[in-house]
Every structure is written in structure tokens, then in C-alpha cells.
């Protein structure tokens, strides 16, 4: 195995311990505050960091699109990330992050890369809790140093950013024809969903409404775990089980406080919950993540976002005896 593959496997294995690595970078001076803010993105979404190559401008490209570049026989779009978040650079960008997530590859310009830090998900505060809901930020990461000082890094919602810059107007709309016929759940049950991205939640909500299934939505793995325990206690008080309240758990991987791997492992290690089907729905992909999905006992995995594949996976998992 190559050293780079060892690094990928090592980083992917952190997800089984409720930890992850965050790439920290800066995007110049904020247009409003005049300060240089610290931003972050999960390392597993970053394919590489490269010196800014020559960019070919594209006629009629959308706002914040700088054009395209060719890297390793692949033509990929390049976006002005400082401009997207409302910052400006003092000089032309010299670096760009090449990212892979949600079935797409794209590059974003940055001013500088600061560091890679290893964090526990309980060091991450959700956007809703920090008062920044429906922005381009999913959460705030608390960075503590050895001297007890604390900095905050804004973890960008790259799915929302792509929605901002995509030229395809209907990319983030679910066509009911793609999901197929209505799914019949056990009477009195719901599908419980957990995702910290408001864009992802909106898409999943559209898909489940098209399937005409009842659902509940939460914004983190911790919220989902707490809600499952409440529902389990209510079911037991009625002489029932969790399966009389919840038909399926649909969870993201990257979430504040508790990631989807930890949530899944908690469910499958609880004797009174382990029969509950769990489907992981994530913009992270690759064999390392899929191996971890199997290792924690998840019943299904689907990459964001395809309404057709999501509905098909839910059907297959619910149909199992």
C-alpha cells in the first residue's frame, strides 16, 4: 500500500472514533469586518492542494466561476471562494483546493492554508446553535491550544456553496418520477433523518415527501441519538419496541457533536435498538468510507445526492427480513 493510501485510511479510520481532520485556510479580508477569518473543510473532501495554474475563462459562466483547468487529464471548474463568502484578496490567488464530494470534483481558490488539525466532533458547534443557520457555514470548530487559548474556525457548507454557484437550476430539485411509487411504512412509524446541512435536509425532505412517508428531521448525530432514546423509552412504556416508532434511521456522516459512524455504532451495540435499519447518506465516498460503513453495521450506504438511488436503497433495506 502506498504512503498516500495509508494516510487516507488513517484519516478515514478517525470517523469510527468520533474524530476527524479539518483543513484550515484563509480567504483574505472580510468585506464587512476587515478581518482575516479562519475557515475549515473536512480533509476527506480535499483531493489535493495545488499552486494556482492558468485558468481558462468560460463564456457565459455563472457568477464566482473563474473558468476551468485541466488536472491529470480531467477538466474541472474553478470557483472564487473568497468572493463567494464575501472576502477579498490583496493579491491574485496562488493556491486552490481541489475537492471531491457529492459526486462532483471542483476547485476553490484560497489565500493560504494554515494547518490540518485533528478534532473530536464534540468540539464542533452546529450552525443553528451558533446563530448562523441557513448561511454558508454548517458549524463552528473550537480550536484549543496548549495554553488554553481558543480560536473558532468556520466550517463551510460546501453543498450550499455548490448550490450557490451551480449553473444548473434544477440540480437541487427532486423529480417525483425519480423516486418511484409510495413506500408503505409500518403504521405509527417514521423515518428519522439526521443531517447538519440545510441544503441536504431540504433535498431529503423533498425525496421523502415524494415517497409519501412520514419522517422526523434532526440536525446532528447527538440529536438523533437522544431522540431515539426518547422513542425507545416511549415504546417500552407501551410494551413495544423501537421498531414500532421508527422504521429506518437515515444519517449523514459529518455532523457536530456525534458523527454518523458513531451514531450507527451506538444503535447497533444497543440490544434494544440493533434491529433498527440504518442507512448512511453522505457526500463522502470511496472504498475506505464504505469499509467503515460495513464495520459499524450500517445496513446501507448511498452517496449524495441522487433521489433515485436514495429511494432505491431505502426500499431495499426496508424489504429485508
Protein backbone atom coordinates (compact mmCIF):
# COMPACT_ATOMS: atom_id res chain seq x y z
CA UNK A 1 0.00 0.00 0.00
CA UNK A 2 1.33 3.46 -0.91
CA UNK A 3 2.07 6.09 1.80
CA UNK A 4 -0.75 8.26 0.44
CA UNK A 5 -3.22 5.37 0.74
CA UNK A 6 -2.04 4.78 4.33
CA UNK A 7 -2.80 8.44 5.06
CA UNK A 8 -6.27 8.16 3.53
CA UNK A 9 -7.05 5.01 5.53
CA UNK A 10 -5.73 6.58 8.73
CA UNK A 11 -7.92 9.65 8.28
CA UNK A 12 -10.96 7.62 7.32
CA UNK A 13 -10.49 5.44 10.42
CA UNK A 14 -10.94 8.52 12.63
CA UNK A 15 -14.63 8.50 11.74
CA UNK A 16 -15.03 5.36 13.82
CA UNK A 17 -13.81 7.25 16.90
CA UNK A 18 -15.98 10.38 16.50
CA UNK A 19 -12.90 12.29 15.35
CA UNK A 20 -11.89 13.89 12.06
CA UNK A 21 -9.26 16.13 10.47
CA UNK A 22 -10.02 19.70 9.46
CA UNK A 23 -8.02 21.61 6.87
CA UNK A 24 -7.71 25.25 7.98
CA UNK A 25 -7.31 28.06 5.47
CA UNK A 26 -7.86 31.79 4.97
CA UNK A 27 -9.75 33.67 2.29
CA UNK A 28 -8.38 37.19 2.62
CA UNK A 29 -10.06 40.15 4.31
CA UNK A 30 -13.76 40.06 5.12
CA UNK A 31 -15.60 42.84 3.29
CA UNK A 32 -17.59 43.81 6.40
CA UNK A 33 -15.28 43.24 9.37
CA UNK A 34 -11.97 43.92 7.65
CA UNK A 35 -10.51 40.88 9.42
CA UNK A 36 -8.90 37.71 8.09
CA UNK A 37 -11.16 34.88 9.23
CA UNK A 38 -10.26 31.21 9.64
CA UNK A 39 -12.21 28.63 7.64
CA UNK A 40 -12.20 24.84 7.53
CA UNK A 41 -13.19 21.83 5.43
CA UNK A 42 -13.03 18.12 6.21
CA UNK A 43 -9.73 16.73 4.86
CA UNK A 44 -11.59 13.77 3.36
CA UNK A 45 -13.23 16.17 0.90
CA UNK A 46 -9.89 17.58 -0.31
CA UNK A 47 -8.19 15.67 -3.10
CA UNK A 48 -5.15 17.94 -3.30
CA UNK A 49 -3.82 21.46 -2.77
CA UNK A 50 -2.09 22.88 -5.83
CA UNK A 51 -0.34 26.03 -6.92
CA UNK A 52 -2.73 28.13 -8.95
CA UNK A 53 -2.47 27.07 -12.61
CA UNK A 54 -3.57 29.02 -15.65
CA UNK A 55 -7.38 29.12 -15.75
CA UNK A 56 -9.36 29.12 -18.99
CA UNK A 57 -12.29 31.52 -18.74
CA UNK A 58 -15.63 30.14 -19.98
CA UNK A 59 -18.03 32.34 -21.92
CA UNK A 60 -21.33 32.79 -20.09
CA UNK A 61 -20.04 31.22 -16.86
CA UNK A 62 -22.04 31.98 -13.68
CA UNK A 63 -21.00 34.48 -11.04
CA UNK A 64 -17.96 33.43 -8.98
CA UNK A 65 -16.82 31.00 -11.69
CA UNK A 66 -13.24 31.69 -12.76
CA UNK A 67 -13.30 29.11 -15.55
CA UNK A 68 -11.80 25.64 -15.87
CA UNK A 69 -8.41 23.97 -15.54
CA UNK A 70 -7.08 20.64 -16.71
CA UNK A 71 -5.52 18.49 -13.97
CA UNK A 72 -4.45 14.87 -14.54
CA UNK A 73 -6.47 14.58 -17.75
CA UNK A 74 -9.58 15.95 -16.04
CA UNK A 75 -11.19 19.31 -16.79
CA UNK A 76 -12.64 20.78 -13.60
CA UNK A 77 -14.37 24.07 -12.76
CA UNK A 78 -12.65 26.65 -10.57
CA UNK A 79 -14.61 28.93 -8.22
CA UNK A 80 -13.69 32.15 -6.42
CA UNK A 81 -14.23 31.05 -2.81
CA UNK A 82 -13.20 34.41 -1.28
CA UNK A 83 -15.80 36.13 -3.45
CA UNK A 84 -18.47 33.57 -2.52
CA UNK A 85 -18.05 34.18 1.23
CA UNK A 86 -17.67 37.96 0.91
CA UNK A 87 -13.91 38.38 1.25
CA UNK A 88 -11.24 39.92 -0.94
CA UNK A 89 -7.60 39.07 -1.58
CA UNK A 90 -4.78 41.59 -1.56
CA UNK A 91 -3.12 39.76 -4.48
CA UNK A 92 -4.17 37.23 -7.12
CA UNK A 93 -4.76 33.76 -5.58
CA UNK A 94 -1.73 31.48 -5.52
CA UNK A 95 -3.41 28.30 -4.21
CA UNK A 96 -6.51 26.29 -4.88
CA UNK A 97 -8.16 23.36 -3.13
CA UNK A 98 -9.26 20.54 -5.41
CA UNK A 99 -12.26 18.93 -3.73
CA UNK A 100 -14.30 15.78 -4.28
CA UNK A 101 -17.69 15.33 -2.64
CA UNK A 102 -21.31 14.80 -3.58
CA UNK A 103 -20.37 13.06 -6.86
CA UNK A 104 -18.54 16.15 -8.14
CA UNK A 105 -14.99 17.44 -8.49
CA UNK A 106 -14.24 21.17 -8.36
CA UNK A 107 -11.56 23.60 -7.23
CA UNK A 108 -11.78 26.63 -4.96
CA UNK A 109 -9.24 29.44 -4.72
CA UNK A 110 -7.88 30.31 -1.26
CA UNK A 111 -5.42 32.87 0.09
CA UNK A 112 -3.39 30.49 2.25
CA UNK A 113 -3.51 27.13 4.01
CA UNK A 114 -2.79 27.30 7.75
CA UNK A 115 -2.82 23.79 9.17
CA UNK A 116 -4.51 20.40 9.47
CA UNK A 117 -5.94 19.77 12.93
CA UNK A 118 -7.38 16.59 14.42
CA UNK A 119 -10.59 17.25 16.35
CA UNK A 120 -13.35 15.47 18.18
CA UNK A 121 -16.83 16.15 16.79
CA UNK A 122 -17.90 17.44 20.22
CA UNK A 123 -15.57 20.39 19.59
CA UNK A 124 -17.87 21.42 16.74
CA UNK A 125 -20.92 23.62 17.38
CA UNK A 126 -23.81 23.42 14.91
CA UNK A 127 -24.71 26.46 12.81
CA UNK A 128 -28.16 26.58 14.41
CA UNK A 129 -26.67 26.58 17.90
CA UNK A 130 -24.20 29.33 16.99
CA UNK A 131 -26.85 31.52 15.36
CA UNK A 132 -25.61 31.12 11.78
CA UNK A 133 -28.34 28.87 10.39
CA UNK A 134 -29.02 28.98 6.63
CA UNK A 135 -25.64 30.56 5.91
CA UNK A 136 -22.73 29.01 4.02
CA UNK A 137 -21.45 27.60 7.31
CA UNK A 138 -22.54 24.25 8.78
CA UNK A 139 -20.76 24.71 12.10
CA UNK A 140 -18.05 26.39 14.17
CA UNK A 141 -14.99 24.37 15.20
CA UNK A 142 -13.41 25.19 18.55
CA UNK A 143 -9.61 25.06 18.36
CA UNK A 144 -7.94 24.88 21.77
CA UNK A 145 -4.17 25.20 22.13
CA UNK A 146 -1.86 24.01 24.94
CA UNK A 147 -2.03 27.43 26.62
CA UNK A 148 -5.80 27.21 26.95
CA UNK A 149 -6.49 29.75 24.22
CA UNK A 150 -9.48 29.16 21.94
CA UNK A 151 -9.97 30.07 18.29
CA UNK A 152 -13.03 29.43 16.16
CA UNK A 153 -12.94 28.20 12.58
CA UNK A 154 -15.97 28.40 10.32
CA UNK A 155 -16.67 25.00 8.76
CA UNK A 156 -18.03 25.72 5.30
CA UNK A 157 -21.16 24.06 3.94
CA UNK A 158 -19.70 23.06 0.59
CA UNK A 159 -23.04 21.62 -0.54
CA UNK A 160 -24.68 25.01 -0.03
CA UNK A 161 -21.74 26.68 -1.78
CA UNK A 162 -22.18 24.45 -4.83
CA UNK A 163 -25.86 25.32 -4.87
CA UNK A 164 -24.85 29.00 -4.89
CA UNK A 165 -22.52 28.68 -7.86
CA UNK A 166 -24.04 25.85 -9.91
CA UNK A 167 -25.33 26.85 -13.34
CA UNK A 168 -27.88 24.01 -13.35
CA UNK A 169 -31.10 25.45 -11.93
CA UNK A 170 -32.87 22.15 -11.31
CA UNK A 171 -29.92 20.27 -9.86
CA UNK A 172 -31.30 20.73 -6.38
CA UNK A 173 -34.88 19.79 -7.13
CA UNK A 174 -36.32 16.29 -6.73
CA UNK A 175 -38.46 14.96 -9.56
CA UNK A 176 -41.16 12.68 -8.06
CA UNK A 177 -40.74 10.38 -11.06
CA UNK A 178 -37.19 9.58 -9.90
CA UNK A 179 -38.26 8.13 -6.55
CA UNK A 180 -40.95 5.72 -7.76
CA UNK A 181 -44.08 4.56 -6.02
CA UNK A 182 -45.07 5.38 -2.45
CA UNK A 183 -43.32 3.43 0.31
CA UNK A 184 -45.58 1.96 2.95
CA UNK A 185 -44.08 2.08 6.43
CA UNK A 186 -45.34 0.14 9.41
CA UNK A 187 -48.32 2.13 10.79
CA UNK A 188 -47.28 4.58 13.50
CA UNK A 189 -43.62 4.69 12.46
CA UNK A 190 -41.42 7.32 10.82
CA UNK A 191 -38.08 7.61 9.09
CA UNK A 192 -35.73 9.59 11.32
CA UNK A 193 -33.24 11.76 9.39
CA UNK A 194 -30.07 13.45 10.65
CA UNK A 195 -28.03 15.98 8.65
CA UNK A 196 -26.37 19.27 9.56
CA UNK A 197 -26.61 20.82 6.07
CA UNK A 198 -29.85 22.71 5.39
CA UNK A 199 -29.37 22.05 1.66
CA UNK A 200 -29.12 18.29 2.23
CA UNK A 201 -32.09 18.34 4.60
CA UNK A 202 -34.19 20.16 2.02
CA UNK A 203 -33.33 17.61 -0.66
CA UNK A 204 -34.05 14.62 1.57
CA UNK A 205 -37.29 16.22 2.68
CA UNK A 206 -38.34 16.56 -0.97
CA UNK A 207 -37.48 12.89 -1.61
CA UNK A 208 -39.38 11.58 1.41
CA UNK A 209 -42.39 13.76 0.65
CA UNK A 210 -42.41 12.35 -2.89
CA UNK A 211 -42.37 8.85 -1.36
CA UNK A 212 -45.24 9.92 0.91
CA UNK A 213 -43.56 8.59 4.05
CA UNK A 214 -43.81 10.22 7.49
CA UNK A 215 -40.49 11.47 8.83
CA UNK A 216 -38.75 13.45 11.55
CA UNK A 217 -35.67 15.56 10.96
CA UNK A 218 -32.80 16.43 13.32
CA UNK A 219 -29.56 18.32 12.74
CA UNK A 220 -26.87 16.18 14.38
CA UNK A 221 -25.97 12.66 15.42
CA UNK A 222 -26.35 13.65 19.06
CA UNK A 223 -29.89 14.92 18.45
CA UNK A 224 -30.72 11.69 16.62
CA UNK A 225 -29.35 9.52 19.42
CA UNK A 226 -31.24 11.48 22.07
CA UNK A 227 -34.45 11.28 20.04
CA UNK A 228 -34.07 7.53 19.53
CA UNK A 229 -33.70 7.01 23.25
CA UNK A 230 -36.84 9.04 23.92
CA UNK A 231 -38.76 7.00 21.36
CA UNK A 232 -37.36 3.74 22.70
CA UNK A 233 -38.50 4.62 26.23
CA UNK A 234 -41.96 5.58 24.94
CA UNK A 235 -42.24 2.30 23.02
CA UNK A 236 -41.20 0.22 26.03
CA UNK A 237 -43.75 2.02 28.22
CA UNK A 238 -46.38 0.78 25.75
CA UNK A 239 -44.98 -2.75 25.71
CA UNK A 240 -43.49 -2.19 22.23
CA UNK A 241 -40.05 -1.80 20.63
CA UNK A 242 -38.22 0.97 18.79
CA UNK A 243 -39.41 -0.63 15.52
CA UNK A 244 -42.96 0.37 16.48
CA UNK A 245 -41.83 4.01 16.43
CA UNK A 246 -39.06 4.22 13.81
CA UNK A 247 -38.82 2.23 10.57
CA UNK A 248 -35.38 3.46 9.50
CA UNK A 249 -32.55 5.78 10.57
CA UNK A 250 -31.15 7.89 7.69
CA UNK A 251 -27.97 9.67 8.71
CA UNK A 252 -25.21 11.87 7.36
CA UNK A 253 -21.58 11.17 8.35
CA UNK A 254 -20.18 14.62 9.13
CA UNK A 255 -22.17 16.20 11.94
CA UNK A 256 -21.44 18.28 15.05
CA UNK A 257 -21.17 16.54 18.43
CA UNK A 258 -21.59 12.99 17.06
CA UNK A 259 -20.81 11.73 13.56
CA UNK A 260 -22.88 9.21 11.64
CA UNK A 261 -20.44 6.36 12.22
CA UNK A 262 -20.63 6.81 15.99
CA UNK A 263 -24.41 7.12 15.86
CA UNK A 264 -24.64 3.90 13.83
CA UNK A 265 -22.29 2.04 16.15
CA UNK A 266 -24.30 3.18 19.18
CA UNK A 267 -27.51 1.89 17.60
CA UNK A 268 -26.04 -1.47 16.61
CA UNK A 269 -24.41 -2.02 20.03
CA UNK A 270 -27.68 -1.37 21.89
CA UNK A 271 -29.53 -4.67 22.33
CA UNK A 272 -32.91 -2.90 22.16
CA UNK A 273 -32.06 -0.89 19.03
CA UNK A 274 -29.78 -3.05 16.92
CA UNK A 275 -32.64 -4.32 14.74
CA UNK A 276 -33.32 -0.76 13.56
CA UNK A 277 -32.13 -0.40 9.92
CA UNK A 278 -29.56 2.37 9.36
CA UNK A 279 -28.75 3.95 6.01
CA UNK A 280 -25.79 6.31 5.77
CA UNK A 281 -26.25 9.13 3.27
CA UNK A 282 -23.09 11.15 2.77
CA UNK A 283 -21.18 13.38 0.38
CA UNK A 284 -18.06 11.47 1.43
CA UNK A 285 -17.35 8.48 -0.78
CA UNK A 286 -14.62 5.98 -1.55
CA UNK A 287 -13.72 2.44 -0.51
CA UNK A 288 -12.29 3.45 2.87
CA UNK A 289 -15.56 5.04 3.97
CA UNK A 290 -17.60 2.16 2.57
CA UNK A 291 -15.46 -0.30 4.55
CA UNK A 292 -16.18 1.66 7.72
CA UNK A 293 -19.89 1.69 6.91
CA UNK A 294 -19.79 -2.11 6.95
CA UNK A 295 -17.62 -2.26 10.07
CA UNK A 296 -20.09 -0.27 12.20
CA UNK A 297 -23.01 -2.37 11.00
CA UNK A 298 -24.89 0.07 8.74
CA UNK A 299 -27.48 -1.58 6.52
CA UNK A 300 -26.92 0.66 3.52
CA UNK A 301 -24.81 3.47 2.08
CA UNK A 302 -25.65 5.97 -0.64
CA UNK A 303 -23.65 8.96 -1.85
CA UNK A 304 -25.32 12.37 -2.01
CA UNK A 305 -27.34 13.29 -3.89
CA UNK A 306 -29.42 11.06 -6.16
CA UNK A 307 -33.11 10.84 -5.26
CA UNK A 308 -33.38 7.69 -7.36
CA UNK A 309 -30.52 5.89 -5.59
CA UNK A 310 -31.66 7.12 -2.18
CA UNK A 311 -35.20 5.82 -2.66
CA UNK A 312 -33.91 2.55 -4.12
CA UNK A 313 -31.60 1.99 -1.14
CA UNK A 314 -34.38 2.74 1.35
CA UNK A 315 -36.67 0.25 -0.44
CA UNK A 316 -34.03 -2.49 -0.43
CA UNK A 317 -33.18 -2.02 3.25
CA UNK A 318 -36.82 -1.93 4.37
CA UNK A 319 -37.59 -5.05 2.30
CA UNK A 320 -35.04 -7.18 4.14
CA UNK A 321 -36.48 -9.69 6.63
